[in-house]
């Protein structure tokens, strides 16, 4: 007869931390938006600071 248990032997049945983080769709949504906001904000600030100084007409 086949053993019906899954997972590591002697495990508590709780999924690992990585799987719990990836299963939380709200956390993934917030992390995705936060990464893009930080990335584009830093990119924009870098572009503004690297502009040459212009003269007034």
Protein backbone atom coordinates (compact mmCIF):
# COMPACT_ATOMS: atom_id res chain seq x y z
CA UNK A 1 0.00 0.00 0.00
CA UNK A 2 1.34 3.45 -0.93
CA UNK A 3 2.10 6.02 1.71
CA UNK A 4 -0.32 8.97 1.39
CA UNK A 5 1.86 11.56 3.16
CA UNK A 6 3.60 14.29 1.21
CA UNK A 7 6.46 16.54 2.14
CA UNK A 8 9.61 15.81 4.08
CA UNK A 9 9.53 12.96 6.56
CA UNK A 10 8.84 14.17 10.07
CA UNK A 11 7.75 17.60 8.81
CA UNK A 12 5.20 19.68 10.65
CA UNK A 13 3.11 20.17 7.53
CA UNK A 14 3.71 23.93 7.41
CA UNK A 15 4.99 25.19 4.03
CA UNK A 16 8.43 26.82 3.94
CA UNK A 17 8.80 30.59 4.23
CA UNK A 18 9.49 31.12 0.52
CA UNK A 19 6.32 29.33 -0.50
CA UNK A 20 4.24 31.28 2.02
CA UNK A 21 5.62 34.56 0.64
CA UNK A 22 4.93 33.58 -2.99
CA UNK A 23 1.41 32.39 -2.12
CA UNK A 24 0.51 35.81 -0.70
CA UNK A 25 -0.72 37.66 -3.82
CA UNK A 26 -1.24 40.97 -2.00
CA UNK A 27 2.38 40.98 -0.84
CA UNK A 28 3.55 40.29 -4.40
CA UNK A 29 1.38 43.12 -5.73
CA UNK A 30 2.73 45.62 -3.18
CA UNK A 31 6.32 44.47 -3.75
CA UNK A 32 5.95 44.82 -7.53
CA UNK A 33 4.52 48.32 -7.31
CA UNK A 34 7.08 49.39 -4.71
CA UNK A 35 10.02 48.12 -6.78
CA UNK A 36 8.81 50.00 -9.88
CA UNK A 37 8.15 53.25 -7.96
CA UNK A 38 11.59 53.17 -6.35
CA UNK A 39 13.32 52.23 -9.62
CA UNK A 40 11.67 54.94 -11.73
CA UNK A 41 12.06 57.58 -9.00
CA UNK A 42 15.77 56.90 -8.69
CA UNK A 43 16.14 56.83 -12.48
CA UNK A 44 14.35 60.19 -12.78
CA UNK A 45 16.46 61.78 -10.06
CA UNK A 46 19.61 60.53 -11.75
CA UNK A 47 18.48 62.02 -15.06
CA UNK A 48 17.67 65.38 -13.47
CA UNK A 49 20.99 65.61 -11.64
CA UNK A 50 22.95 64.70 -14.77
CA UNK A 51 21.43 67.45 -16.93
CA UNK A 52 23.85 70.19 -17.93
CA UNK A 53 23.21 73.63 -16.49
CA UNK A 54 21.47 75.84 -19.02
CA UNK A 55 21.71 79.58 -19.44
CA UNK A 56 18.74 81.87 -19.14
CA UNK A 57 17.65 83.65 -22.33
